[in-house]
Amino acid sequence: MKLYVKLYFNSEGPSPLVIVPKVKKIGFQPVVGQYDFVMDFETPEEYAEIINKLHAALQGSGVLYTIQSRKE
């Protein structure tokens, strides 16, 4: 399965150049299109772990995000 993330930045928060490396460090890969990043996962436990890491990485930054998972 795939987990997609879209980030929403604002001018009062950190630069995307600061945030993108944090998201990539978790294991997300940048993509072009409707979403900004994608990551593969297989189990609900893996999904929960990824979401927790993403939330912790973005917490306090003012960056908003949406997620969507798909079975492909």
C-alpha atoms as a PDB file:
ATOM      1  CA  MET A   1       0.000   0.000   0.000  1.00  0.00           C
ATOM      2  CA  LYS A   2       1.042   3.594  -0.433  1.00  0.00           C
ATOM      3  CA  LEU A   3       0.785   6.557   1.892  1.00  0.00           C
ATOM      4  CA  TYR A   4       0.624   9.976   0.241  1.00  0.00           C
ATOM      5  CA  VAL A   5       1.309  13.300   1.984  1.00  0.00           C
ATOM      6  CA  LYS A   6       0.539  16.846   0.915  1.00  0.00           C
ATOM      7  CA  LEU A   7       2.178  19.674   2.845  1.00  0.00           C
ATOM      8  CA  TYR A   8       0.809  23.191   3.280  1.00  0.00           C
ATOM      9  CA  PHE A   9       3.330  25.913   4.097  1.00  0.00           C
ATOM     10  CA  ASN A  10       2.785  29.498   5.189  1.00  0.00           C
ATOM     11  CA  SER A  11       5.051  32.516   5.214  1.00  0.00           C
ATOM     12  CA  GLU A  12       5.146  32.592   9.029  1.00  0.00           C
ATOM     13  CA  GLY A  13       6.626  29.094   9.299  1.00  0.00           C
ATOM     14  CA  PRO A  14       9.902  27.495   8.269  1.00  0.00           C
ATOM     15  CA  SER A  15      11.052  27.329   4.677  1.00  0.00           C
ATOM     16  CA  PRO A  16      10.185  24.233   2.654  1.00  0.00           C
ATOM     17  CA  LEU A  17      13.953  23.766   2.344  1.00  0.00           C
ATOM     18  CA  VAL A  18      14.014  23.094   6.101  1.00  0.00           C
ATOM     19  CA  ILE A  19      10.978  20.794   6.181  1.00  0.00           C
ATOM     20  CA  VAL A  20      11.567  18.642   3.096  1.00  0.00           C
ATOM     21  CA  PRO A  21      14.745  17.007   4.476  1.00  0.00           C
ATOM     22  CA  LYS A  22      12.878  16.120   7.686  1.00  0.00           C
ATOM     23  CA  VAL A  23      10.153  14.349   5.712  1.00  0.00           C
ATOM     24  CA  LYS A  24      12.680  12.577   3.509  1.00  0.00           C
ATOM     25  CA  LYS A  25      14.603  11.418   6.610  1.00  0.00           C
ATOM     26  CA  ILE A  26      11.483   9.504   7.710  1.00  0.00           C
ATOM     27  CA  GLY A  27      11.579   7.651   4.387  1.00  0.00           C
ATOM     28  CA  PHE A  28       9.136   9.567   2.197  1.00  0.00           C
ATOM     29  CA  GLN A  29      10.044  10.102  -1.448  1.00  0.00           C
ATOM     30  CA  PRO A  30       9.131  13.323  -3.285  1.00  0.00           C
ATOM     31  CA  VAL A  31       6.615  12.952  -6.111  1.00  0.00           C
ATOM     32  CA  VAL A  32       5.220  15.289  -8.730  1.00  0.00           C
ATOM     33  CA  GLY A  33       1.470  15.686  -8.950  1.00  0.00           C
ATOM     34  CA  GLN A  34      -1.414  15.930  -6.515  1.00  0.00           C
ATOM     35  CA  TYR A  35       0.723  14.938  -3.516  1.00  0.00           C
ATOM     36  CA  ASP A  36       4.192  15.983  -2.381  1.00  0.00           C
ATOM     37  CA  PHE A  37       5.520  12.700  -0.936  1.00  0.00           C
ATOM     38  CA  VAL A  38       4.834   8.973  -1.008  1.00  0.00           C
ATOM     39  CA  MET A  39       5.913   5.975   1.059  1.00  0.00           C
ATOM     40  CA  ASP A  40       5.134   2.271   0.849  1.00  0.00           C
ATOM     41  CA  PHE A  41       3.804   0.361   3.855  1.00  0.00           C
ATOM     42  CA  GLU A  42       2.393  -3.107   4.395  1.00  0.00           C
ATOM     43  CA  THR A  43       0.745  -3.385   7.818  1.00  0.00           C
ATOM     44  CA  PRO A  44      -1.492  -1.222  10.005  1.00  0.00           C
ATOM     45  CA  GLU A  45       1.308  -1.141  12.578  1.00  0.00           C
ATOM     46  CA  GLU A  46       3.765   0.183   9.991  1.00  0.00           C
ATOM     47  CA  TYR A  47       1.195   2.781   8.938  1.00  0.00           C
ATOM     48  CA  ALA A  48       0.793   3.957  12.545  1.00  0.00           C
ATOM     49  CA  GLU A  49       4.558   4.174  13.017  1.00  0.00           C
ATOM     50  CA  ILE A  50       4.970   6.288   9.873  1.00  0.00           C
ATOM     51  CA  ILE A  51       2.151   8.644  10.858  1.00  0.00           C
ATOM     52  CA  ASN A  52       3.606   9.099  14.341  1.00  0.00           C
ATOM     53  CA  LYS A  53       7.045   9.923  12.903  1.00  0.00           C
ATOM     54  CA  LEU A  54       5.570  12.377  10.386  1.00  0.00           C
ATOM     55  CA  HIS A  55       3.504  14.123  13.038  1.00  0.00           C
ATOM     56  CA  ALA A  56       6.490  14.398  15.384  1.00  0.00           C
ATOM     57  CA  ALA A  57       8.712  15.779  12.600  1.00  0.00           C
ATOM     58  CA  LEU A  58       6.201  18.507  11.718  1.00  0.00           C
ATOM     59  CA  GLN A  59       4.925  19.278  15.213  1.00  0.00           C
ATOM     60  CA  GLY A  60       5.405  22.904  16.195  1.00  0.00           C
ATOM     61  CA  SER A  61       6.466  23.963  12.688  1.00  0.00           C
ATOM     62  CA  GLY A  62       3.124  25.421  11.618  1.00  0.00           C
ATOM     63  CA  VAL A  63       3.187  23.195   8.526  1.00  0.00           C
ATOM     64  CA  LEU A  64      -0.162  21.551   7.879  1.00  0.00           C
ATOM     65  CA  TYR A  65      -0.494  18.214   6.137  1.00  0.00           C
ATOM     66  CA  THR A  66      -3.014  15.801   4.725  1.00  0.00           C
ATOM     67  CA  ILE A  67      -2.528  12.096   4.203  1.00  0.00           C
ATOM     68  CA  GLN A  68      -4.167   9.511   2.018  1.00  0.00           C
ATOM     69  CA  SER A  69      -3.481   5.811   1.776  1.00  0.00           C
ATOM     70  CA  ARG A  70      -4.195   3.629  -1.240  1.00  0.00           C
ATOM     71  CA  LYS A  71      -3.946  -0.015  -2.011  1.00  0.00           C
ATOM     72  CA  GLU A  72      -2.215  -0.200  -5.381  1.00  0.00           C
END
